[in-house]
């Protein structure tokens, strides 16, 4: 069994995600999201979908980007 790097659970169905050349082991997508998903610069939620980005800053949606002062961003369709 492998051990989840977030919660420490030993699980026979753990999986590995390689991100930026480093392997990470998780027991659930929830733990993978907690560890790897970026956070919205405005509201702090984890960006699990496409999100939007301007100047290297990531937002969960155009609404948050606008509130943070970003100009001209639209949600992806």
C-alpha atoms as a PDB file:
ATOM      1  CA  UNK A   1       0.000   0.000   0.000  1.00  0.00           C
ATOM      2  CA  UNK A   2       1.029   3.588  -0.534  1.00  0.00           C
ATOM      3  CA  UNK A   3       0.676   6.470   1.890  1.00  0.00           C
ATOM      4  CA  UNK A   4      -1.123   9.702   0.969  1.00  0.00           C
ATOM      5  CA  UNK A   5       1.194  12.678   1.355  1.00  0.00           C
ATOM      6  CA  UNK A   6      -1.664  14.912   2.533  1.00  0.00           C
ATOM      7  CA  UNK A   7      -3.609  12.849   5.060  1.00  0.00           C
ATOM      8  CA  UNK A   8      -1.208   9.980   5.751  1.00  0.00           C
ATOM      9  CA  UNK A   9      -3.770   7.298   4.916  1.00  0.00           C
ATOM     10  CA  UNK A  10      -2.338   3.952   3.787  1.00  0.00           C
ATOM     11  CA  UNK A  11      -4.545   2.912   0.888  1.00  0.00           C
ATOM     12  CA  UNK A  12      -4.402   0.052  -1.583  1.00  0.00           C
ATOM     13  CA  UNK A  13      -5.860   2.223  -4.364  1.00  0.00           C
ATOM     14  CA  UNK A  14      -3.546   5.211  -3.916  1.00  0.00           C
ATOM     15  CA  UNK A  15      -2.345   6.886  -7.103  1.00  0.00           C
ATOM     16  CA  UNK A  16       0.589   9.019  -8.175  1.00  0.00           C
ATOM     17  CA  UNK A  17       0.435  12.385  -9.908  1.00  0.00           C
ATOM     18  CA  UNK A  18       3.573  13.828 -11.470  1.00  0.00           C
ATOM     19  CA  UNK A  19       3.600  17.618 -11.493  1.00  0.00           C
ATOM     20  CA  UNK A  20       6.556  19.758 -12.502  1.00  0.00           C
ATOM     21  CA  UNK A  21       8.753  16.654 -12.520  1.00  0.00           C
ATOM     22  CA  UNK A  22       7.920  15.599  -8.956  1.00  0.00           C
ATOM     23  CA  UNK A  23       5.819  12.547  -8.083  1.00  0.00           C
ATOM     24  CA  UNK A  24       3.059  12.935  -5.476  1.00  0.00           C
ATOM     25  CA  UNK A  25       1.039  10.093  -3.932  1.00  0.00           C
ATOM     26  CA  UNK A  26      -2.597  10.554  -2.882  1.00  0.00           C
ATOM     27  CA  UNK A  27      -5.464   8.384  -1.684  1.00  0.00           C
ATOM     28  CA  UNK A  28      -8.187  10.613  -3.181  1.00  0.00           C
ATOM     29  CA  UNK A  29      -8.749  13.413  -5.653  1.00  0.00           C
ATOM     30  CA  UNK A  30      -9.711  15.569  -2.680  1.00  0.00           C
ATOM     31  CA  UNK A  31      -6.185  15.291  -1.263  1.00  0.00           C
ATOM     32  CA  UNK A  32      -4.636  15.828  -4.708  1.00  0.00           C
ATOM     33  CA  UNK A  33      -6.652  19.018  -5.169  1.00  0.00           C
ATOM     34  CA  UNK A  34      -5.748  20.214  -1.686  1.00  0.00           C
ATOM     35  CA  UNK A  35      -2.044  19.764  -2.440  1.00  0.00           C
ATOM     36  CA  UNK A  36      -1.738  20.748  -6.095  1.00  0.00           C
ATOM     37  CA  UNK A  37      -4.565  23.025  -7.239  1.00  0.00           C
ATOM     38  CA  UNK A  38      -3.756  26.737  -7.298  1.00  0.00           C
ATOM     39  CA  UNK A  39      -5.809  29.141  -5.161  1.00  0.00           C
ATOM     40  CA  UNK A  40      -7.803  32.059  -6.527  1.00  0.00           C
ATOM     41  CA  UNK A  41      -5.918  35.276  -5.757  1.00  0.00           C
ATOM     42  CA  UNK A  42      -9.197  37.010  -4.855  1.00  0.00           C
ATOM     43  CA  UNK A  43     -11.405  34.563  -2.923  1.00  0.00           C
ATOM     44  CA  UNK A  44      -8.899  31.844  -2.041  1.00  0.00           C
ATOM     45  CA  UNK A  45     -10.895  28.884  -3.386  1.00  0.00           C
ATOM     46  CA  UNK A  46      -9.038  26.058  -5.111  1.00  0.00           C
ATOM     47  CA  UNK A  47      -9.096  26.462  -8.895  1.00  0.00           C
ATOM     48  CA  UNK A  48     -10.132  23.031 -10.125  1.00  0.00           C
ATOM     49  CA  UNK A  49     -11.478  24.082 -13.541  1.00  0.00           C
ATOM     50  CA  UNK A  50      -9.955  26.327 -16.176  1.00  0.00           C
ATOM     51  CA  UNK A  51      -9.938  29.541 -14.170  1.00  0.00           C
ATOM     52  CA  UNK A  52      -8.531  32.717 -15.689  1.00  0.00           C
ATOM     53  CA  UNK A  53      -5.085  34.235 -15.478  1.00  0.00           C
ATOM     54  CA  UNK A  54      -3.554  37.643 -15.976  1.00  0.00           C
ATOM     55  CA  UNK A  55       0.040  38.634 -15.376  1.00  0.00           C
ATOM     56  CA  UNK A  56       0.809  35.282 -13.737  1.00  0.00           C
ATOM     57  CA  UNK A  57      -2.036  35.663 -11.220  1.00  0.00           C
ATOM     58  CA  UNK A  58      -4.712  32.959 -11.206  1.00  0.00           C
ATOM     59  CA  UNK A  59      -8.387  33.536 -10.437  1.00  0.00           C
ATOM     60  CA  UNK A  60     -11.238  31.031 -10.261  1.00  0.00           C
ATOM     61  CA  UNK A  61     -13.413  33.170 -12.555  1.00  0.00           C
ATOM     62  CA  UNK A  62     -13.618  36.484 -14.383  1.00  0.00           C
ATOM     63  CA  UNK A  63     -15.845  37.879 -11.622  1.00  0.00           C
ATOM     64  CA  UNK A  64     -13.091  37.445  -9.011  1.00  0.00           C
ATOM     65  CA  UNK A  65     -10.475  38.740 -11.453  1.00  0.00           C
ATOM     66  CA  UNK A  66     -12.507  41.915 -12.013  1.00  0.00           C
ATOM     67  CA  UNK A  67     -12.925  42.456  -8.269  1.00  0.00           C
ATOM     68  CA  UNK A  68      -9.167  42.116  -7.877  1.00  0.00           C
ATOM     69  CA  UNK A  69      -8.554  44.770 -10.553  1.00  0.00           C
ATOM     70  CA  UNK A  70      -7.827  42.612 -13.593  1.00  0.00           C
ATOM     71  CA  UNK A  71      -9.172  44.055 -16.813  1.00  0.00           C
ATOM     72  CA  UNK A  72     -10.688  42.353 -19.858  1.00  0.00           C
ATOM     73  CA  UNK A  73     -10.784  38.749 -18.677  1.00  0.00           C
ATOM     74  CA  UNK A  74     -13.698  36.502 -19.638  1.00  0.00           C
ATOM     75  CA  UNK A  75     -14.639  33.066 -18.385  1.00  0.00           C
ATOM     76  CA  UNK A  76     -13.862  30.303 -20.855  1.00  0.00           C
ATOM     77  CA  UNK A  77     -16.823  28.766 -22.635  1.00  0.00           C
END
